[in-house]
Protein backbone atom coordinates (compact mmCIF):
# COMPACT_ATOMS: atom_id res chain seq x y z
CA UNK A 1 0.13 0.12 -0.08
CA UNK A 2 1.72 3.36 -1.21
CA UNK A 3 1.80 6.21 1.87
CA UNK A 4 -1.04 8.06 0.21
CA UNK A 5 -3.31 5.27 0.21
CA UNK A 6 -2.10 4.45 3.57
CA UNK A 7 -2.87 8.22 5.04
CA UNK A 8 -6.10 7.93 3.52
CA UNK A 9 -7.05 4.81 5.50
CA UNK A 10 -5.91 5.92 8.65
CA UNK A 11 -7.69 8.88 7.96
CA UNK A 12 -10.74 6.89 7.48
CA UNK A 13 -10.27 4.88 10.90
CA UNK A 14 -9.85 7.82 12.64
CA UNK A 15 -13.46 9.19 11.85
CA UNK A 16 -14.82 5.51 12.10
CA UNK A 17 -13.74 5.80 15.46
CA UNK A 18 -14.78 9.42 16.68
CA UNK A 19 -17.95 8.95 15.56
CA UNK A 20 -18.80 5.34 17.06
CA UNK A 21 -17.56 6.73 20.11
CA UNK A 22 -19.72 9.85 19.83
CA UNK A 23 -22.84 7.70 18.99
CA UNK A 24 -22.07 5.72 22.00
CA UNK A 25 -21.88 9.01 24.00
CA UNK A 26 -25.71 9.92 22.47
CA UNK A 27 -27.14 6.34 24.16
CA UNK A 28 -25.19 7.01 27.19
CA UNK A 29 -26.69 10.47 27.58
CA UNK A 30 -30.32 8.98 26.76
CA UNK A 31 -29.61 5.96 29.09
CA UNK A 32 -28.66 7.95 32.01
CA UNK A 33 -31.12 11.26 31.84
CA UNK A 34 -32.98 10.31 34.94
CA UNK A 35 -29.39 9.86 37.19
CA UNK A 36 -27.17 12.79 35.34
CA UNK A 37 -28.89 16.32 34.73
CA UNK A 38 -27.62 17.24 31.63
CA UNK A 39 -25.50 20.29 32.84
CA UNK A 40 -23.92 18.00 35.41
CA UNK A 41 -23.13 15.40 33.33
CA UNK A 42 -21.29 17.72 30.76
CA UNK A 43 -19.68 19.40 33.83
CA UNK A 44 -18.18 16.14 35.18
CA UNK A 45 -17.43 14.53 31.74
CA UNK A 46 -14.96 17.18 31.13
CA UNK A 47 -13.31 17.93 34.28
CA UNK A 48 -12.92 14.07 34.29
CA UNK A 49 -11.22 14.48 30.70
CA UNK A 50 -9.03 16.78 32.06
CA UNK A 51 -7.95 15.22 35.34
CA UNK A 52 -6.74 12.33 32.76
CA UNK A 53 -5.13 14.60 30.18
CA UNK A 54 -2.79 16.37 32.81
CA UNK A 55 0.05 13.88 32.67
CA UNK A 56 -0.26 13.31 29.30
CA UNK A 57 -0.15 17.22 28.32
CA UNK A 58 1.67 18.91 30.47
CA UNK A 59 4.93 17.86 29.34
CA UNK A 60 3.72 18.97 25.79
CA UNK A 61 2.63 22.31 26.71
CA UNK A 62 6.09 22.88 28.41
CA UNK A 63 7.83 25.69 26.87
CA UNK A 64 4.15 26.88 24.72
CA UNK A 65 2.61 28.67 27.35
CA UNK A 66 3.19 32.15 25.33
CA UNK A 67 1.01 30.18 22.42
CA UNK A 68 -1.47 29.36 24.77
CA UNK A 69 -1.98 32.79 25.89
CA UNK A 70 -1.47 33.96 22.69
CA UNK A 71 -4.22 32.02 21.34
CA UNK A 72 -6.31 32.00 24.47
CA UNK A 73 -9.72 33.84 23.04
CA UNK A 74 -9.44 31.18 19.73
CA UNK A 75 -9.01 28.46 22.82
CA UNK A 76 -11.68 29.70 24.85
CA UNK A 77 -13.99 29.93 21.58
CA UNK A 78 -13.52 26.08 21.04
CA UNK A 79 -14.05 25.20 24.71
CA UNK A 80 -17.15 27.08 24.37
CA UNK A 81 -18.66 25.90 21.37
CA UNK A 82 -17.80 21.91 21.23
CA UNK A 83 -17.26 21.37 24.86
CA UNK A 84 -19.98 23.68 26.91
CA UNK A 85 -22.61 24.40 24.59
CA UNK A 86 -22.95 21.87 21.86
CA UNK A 87 -22.72 18.83 24.44
CA UNK A 88 -24.85 20.40 27.16
CA UNK A 89 -27.47 21.05 24.28
CA UNK A 90 -27.20 17.40 23.26
CA UNK A 91 -27.72 16.23 26.58
CA UNK A 92 -30.54 18.56 26.97
CA UNK A 93 -31.91 17.21 23.75
CA UNK A 94 -31.82 13.56 24.79
CA UNK A 95 -34.00 14.29 27.95
CA UNK A 96 -36.43 14.88 25.81
CA UNK A 97 -36.51 12.50 22.48
CA UNK A 98 -35.22 9.13 22.16
CA UNK A 99 -31.44 8.43 20.75
CA UNK A 100 -32.89 7.45 17.46
CA UNK A 101 -34.45 10.64 16.68
CA UNK A 102 -31.75 13.05 17.95
CA UNK A 103 -28.70 10.96 16.20
CA UNK A 104 -30.65 11.18 13.00
CA UNK A 105 -31.09 14.74 13.44
CA UNK A 106 -27.47 15.21 13.76
CA UNK A 107 -26.80 13.84 10.46
CA UNK A 108 -27.29 17.43 8.85
CA UNK A 109 -24.34 18.54 10.58
CA UNK A 110 -22.32 18.49 7.61
CA UNK A 111 -24.99 21.35 5.82
CA UNK A 112 -24.42 23.06 9.41
CA UNK A 113 -20.27 22.83 8.75
CA UNK A 114 -20.60 24.04 5.42
CA UNK A 115 -22.87 26.94 6.07
CA UNK A 116 -20.61 28.36 8.97
CA UNK A 117 -17.29 27.85 6.39
CA UNK A 118 -19.22 30.26 3.92
CA UNK A 119 -20.10 32.58 6.63
CA UNK A 120 -16.65 32.52 8.65
CA UNK A 121 -14.13 31.65 5.76
CA UNK A 122 -16.04 33.69 3.04
CA UNK A 123 -16.56 30.79 0.35
CA UNK A 124 -18.67 31.71 -2.12
CA UNK A 125 -21.98 28.88 -2.32
CA UNK A 126 -22.19 27.20 -6.16
CA UNK A 127 -25.80 26.36 -6.66
CA UNK A 128 -25.56 22.85 -6.42
CA UNK A 129 -24.27 23.55 -2.88
CA UNK A 130 -27.35 25.58 -2.04
CA UNK A 131 -29.46 22.92 -3.49
CA UNK A 132 -27.67 20.07 -1.31
CA UNK A 133 -27.94 22.35 1.57
CA UNK A 134 -31.73 22.89 1.07
CA UNK A 135 -32.36 18.81 0.68
CA UNK A 136 -30.51 18.18 3.73
CA UNK A 137 -32.97 20.67 5.52
CA UNK A 138 -36.05 18.81 4.24
CA UNK A 139 -34.48 15.75 5.83
CA UNK A 140 -34.46 17.37 8.94
CA UNK A 141 -37.85 18.56 8.95
CA UNK A 142 -39.47 15.23 7.96
CA UNK A 143 -37.66 14.07 11.32
CA UNK A 144 -38.72 17.04 13.45
CA UNK A 145 -42.31 16.63 12.16
CA UNK A 146 -42.39 13.07 12.19
CA UNK A 147 -43.32 12.34 8.72
CA UNK A 148 -46.35 15.01 9.18
CA UNK A 149 -45.94 18.17 7.67
CA UNK A 150 -49.40 19.61 9.98
CA UNK A 151 -46.84 19.24 12.92
CA UNK A 152 -44.27 21.90 11.28
CA UNK A 153 -47.22 24.27 10.66
CA UNK A 154 -48.58 24.41 14.41
CA UNK A 155 -44.98 24.81 15.10
CA UNK A 156 -45.55 21.35 17.20
CA UNK A 157 -41.89 20.22 17.28
CA UNK A 158 -40.46 18.60 20.47
CA UNK A 159 -38.13 20.54 22.77
CA UNK A 160 -35.72 17.81 22.77
CA UNK A 161 -35.35 18.18 18.84
CA UNK A 162 -35.09 21.56 18.92
CA UNK A 163 -32.31 21.32 21.35
CA UNK A 164 -30.19 18.78 18.96
CA UNK A 165 -31.16 21.04 16.14
CA UNK A 166 -29.69 23.81 17.77
CA UNK A 167 -26.56 22.56 18.61
CA UNK A 168 -25.32 21.48 15.00
CA UNK A 169 -24.42 25.06 13.93
CA UNK A 170 -22.60 25.29 17.41
CA UNK A 171 -20.56 22.09 16.20
CA UNK A 172 -20.09 23.81 12.61
CA UNK A 173 -18.47 27.14 14.00
CA UNK A 174 -16.37 24.53 16.40
CA UNK A 175 -15.19 22.52 13.24
CA UNK A 176 -14.21 25.41 11.23
CA UNK A 177 -12.49 27.19 13.91
CA UNK A 178 -10.29 23.97 15.26
CA UNK A 179 -8.27 24.63 12.06
CA UNK A 180 -7.04 28.25 13.10
CA UNK A 181 -4.78 26.90 16.03
CA UNK A 182 -1.01 26.58 15.54
CA UNK A 183 0.11 23.08 14.92
CA UNK A 184 2.11 23.17 17.90
CA UNK A 185 -0.81 23.06 19.93
CA UNK A 186 -2.00 20.19 18.80
CA UNK A 187 -3.03 16.76 19.99
CA UNK A 188 -3.49 16.36 23.69
CA UNK A 189 -2.19 19.50 24.54
CA UNK A 190 -5.11 21.39 22.90
CA UNK A 191 -7.37 18.74 24.48
CA UNK A 192 -6.53 19.22 27.84
CA UNK A 193 -6.65 23.23 27.33
CA UNK A 194 -10.14 22.83 25.77
CA UNK A 195 -11.29 20.66 28.98
CA UNK A 196 -9.65 22.96 31.05
CA UNK A 197 -11.03 25.75 29.59
CA UNK A 198 -14.59 24.18 29.46
CA UNK A 199 -15.02 22.91 33.40
CA UNK A 200 -15.35 26.73 34.74
CA UNK A 201 -17.35 27.53 31.95
CA UNK A 202 -20.03 24.80 33.42
CA UNK A 203 -19.43 25.20 36.46
CA UNK A 204 -22.21 28.33 37.59
CA UNK A 205 -25.07 26.73 35.02
CA UNK A 206 -24.42 23.57 36.94
CA UNK A 207 -24.50 24.64 40.43
CA UNK A 208 -27.75 26.67 39.76
CA UNK A 209 -29.14 23.02 37.91
CA UNK A 210 -28.10 20.67 40.78
CA UNK A 211 -29.94 23.29 42.91
CA UNK A 212 -33.31 22.86 40.77
CA UNK A 213 -32.91 18.91 40.39
CA UNK A 214 -33.37 15.86 42.03
CA UNK A 215 -29.96 14.80 44.44
CA UNK A 216 -28.16 12.67 42.12
CA UNK A 217 -26.35 10.39 45.16
CA UNK A 218 -29.79 8.10 45.45
CA UNK A 219 -29.80 6.99 41.95
CA UNK A 220 -25.98 6.64 41.47
CA UNK A 221 -24.81 3.41 40.40
CA UNK A 222 -21.86 1.65 39.15
CA UNK A 223 -23.69 1.37 35.43
CA UNK A 224 -23.95 5.45 35.52
CA UNK A 225 -20.05 5.78 37.03
CA UNK A 226 -19.23 3.44 34.21
CA UNK A 227 -21.27 5.58 31.55
CA UNK A 228 -19.74 8.80 32.74
CA UNK A 229 -16.33 7.26 32.37
CA UNK A 230 -17.21 6.63 29.05
CA UNK A 231 -18.17 10.01 28.38
CA UNK A 232 -15.17 11.10 29.90
CA UNK A 233 -12.70 8.55 27.93
CA UNK A 234 -14.30 7.33 25.00
CA UNK A 235 -16.37 10.40 24.01
CA UNK A 236 -14.10 13.30 25.10
CA UNK A 237 -10.17 11.89 25.00
CA UNK A 238 -10.33 9.55 22.42
CA UNK A 239 -12.87 10.88 20.28
CA UNK A 240 -11.78 14.46 20.10
CA UNK A 241 -8.50 13.32 19.31
CA UNK A 242 -9.26 11.11 16.41
CA UNK A 243 -11.61 13.62 15.22
CA UNK A 244 -8.86 16.97 15.69
CA UNK A 245 -6.01 14.61 13.97
CA UNK A 246 -8.47 13.66 10.87
CA UNK A 247 -9.56 17.46 10.31
CA UNK A 248 -5.99 18.37 10.40
CA UNK A 249 -5.35 15.94 7.63
CA UNK A 250 -8.89 16.80 5.37
CA UNK A 251 -10.18 19.74 6.42
CA UNK A 252 -13.67 20.44 8.46
CA UNK A 253 -15.70 19.90 5.18
CA UNK A 254 -13.94 16.95 4.19
CA UNK A 255 -14.41 15.38 7.45
CA UNK A 256 -17.82 16.27 7.81
CA UNK A 257 -18.92 13.79 5.17
CA UNK A 258 -18.06 11.15 7.72
CA UNK A 259 -21.10 12.21 10.36
CA UNK A 260 -23.51 10.22 8.72
CA UNK A 261 -22.29 7.59 10.24
CA UNK A 262 -23.06 8.40 13.56
CA UNK A 263 -26.98 7.98 13.00
CA UNK A 264 -26.20 4.99 11.61
CA UNK A 265 -23.94 3.51 14.99
CA UNK A 266 -26.28 5.52 17.33
CA UNK A 267 -29.57 3.69 15.59
CA UNK A 268 -27.87 0.47 15.98
CA UNK A 269 -26.73 0.89 19.29
CA UNK A 270 -30.18 2.06 20.93
CA UNK A 271 -31.43 -0.78 19.07
CA UNK A 272 -29.13 -3.19 20.92
CA UNK A 273 -29.31 -1.21 24.96
CA UNK A 274 -32.13 0.93 24.86
CA UNK A 275 -34.85 -1.03 22.53
CA UNK A 276 -35.66 1.51 20.50
CA UNK A 277 -37.09 0.87 17.07
CA UNK A 278 -36.57 3.34 13.95
CA UNK A 279 -39.81 4.38 11.86
CA UNK A 280 -40.61 4.73 8.56
CA UNK A 281 -40.11 9.01 8.64
CA UNK A 282 -36.42 8.01 10.17
CA UNK A 283 -35.69 6.36 7.24
CA UNK A 284 -37.32 8.97 4.15
CA UNK A 285 -35.66 11.99 6.72
CA UNK A 286 -32.16 10.19 6.46
CA UNK A 287 -32.27 9.25 3.10
CA UNK A 288 -33.48 12.99 2.17
CA UNK A 289 -30.57 14.20 4.29
CA UNK A 290 -27.93 11.78 2.96
CA UNK A 291 -29.11 13.03 -0.99
CA UNK A 292 -28.36 16.50 0.04
CA UNK A 293 -25.18 15.98 1.33
CA UNK A 294 -24.20 13.71 -1.78
CA UNK A 295 -24.66 16.78 -3.98
CA UNK A 296 -22.74 19.30 -2.32
CA UNK A 297 -19.82 16.77 -2.13
CA UNK A 298 -20.03 15.34 -5.39
CA UNK A 299 -19.93 18.94 -6.98
CA UNK A 300 -17.63 20.09 -4.57
CA UNK A 301 -15.17 17.33 -4.87
CA UNK A 302 -15.27 17.33 -9.00
CA UNK A 303 -14.31 21.36 -8.49
CA UNK A 304 -11.69 21.17 -6.25
CA UNK A 305 -10.56 17.27 -5.60
CA UNK A 306 -10.33 15.62 -2.41
CA UNK A 307 -7.13 16.13 -1.50
CA UNK A 308 -7.41 19.99 -0.61
CA UNK A 309 -4.49 21.36 1.70
CA UNK A 310 -4.43 20.47 5.13
CA UNK A 311 -5.23 22.82 7.93
CA UNK A 312 -3.95 23.94 11.40
CA UNK A 313 -6.29 21.92 13.60
CA UNK A 314 -4.06 20.61 16.34
CA UNK A 315 -2.50 17.10 15.06
CA UNK A 316 0.88 15.87 15.12
CA UNK A 317 0.41 16.16 11.24
CA UNK A 318 -0.87 19.30 11.12
CA UNK A 319 1.14 22.05 8.61
CA UNK A 320 0.23 25.53 8.24
CA UNK A 321 -2.51 25.88 5.34
CA UNK A 322 -5.14 27.52 3.86
CA UNK A 323 -8.78 28.19 5.57
CA UNK A 324 -11.21 25.61 6.58
CA UNK A 325 -13.60 26.50 3.59
CA UNK A 326 -11.19 25.92 0.39
CA UNK A 327 -11.84 21.87 1.65
CA UNK A 328 -13.93 19.73 0.37
CA UNK A 329 -17.64 18.98 2.37
CA UNK A 330 -17.18 17.63 5.96
CA UNK A 331 -16.32 17.98 9.14
């Protein structure tokens, strides 16, 4: 296997693992909704992730604190969008909607990544890209309405679905901005900084939630502790490391075309562990979403090719490059 093909397979494996571990996170968030309040779960998730990363990341940050200070605003924005806001919105949504519904809505994430690339990086949209985005959005509406357009006319959308949908552009902003980090702040160093910054952002909201929510300790079981550990180790440390390395290699747009894997993994995991059963409107919605992504991806790939320049995301292989929007579709 030539080096180029090997790098392609490695990137595909990183993206598949990230989506698998994130899908598991959504299943855990739904399964433990009566034990862990959403903001509390997110707080402890990132606190544990930061503690796990200290012995790994601290040596990497020696002599680089000036870079941390120089890019403090960007690091705070990444922690706010990727850690505090998006993950909290996911857990809030899973309080009131099924994992299947949530992960299928999330399959529209590439649409929002591309929209954020257009807005933030000033990339002009082609006619085919606009058509693809509209198709994907139509698929989201099918899922939100449970296949009944009358629900949309009366704005009778589940609150859980709305939280998931609101989180998608937040994830798009994170996926575009992560490429702006210098290569020196890569991998575990960045992830530790992001985790450490996310914790204080969530501390206040978590305390307010704790006052209003039922006590956690009476319902705290071994399964709940294992679930929390999964969110910290697999959904935070490992999944974000895989994702950031892949984004460094192919860019946020190209990487985001892998995000439909998460609905696939999430639906299967929800069927196995939660007993959820997909409905006909789920299938109709995701087929429409994927059709939109396919239209946009094929057009952009034909125009620019799949091997655009790598960006500045925190990864061992990252090298300085152009803006995120210059790459082909995916997150």
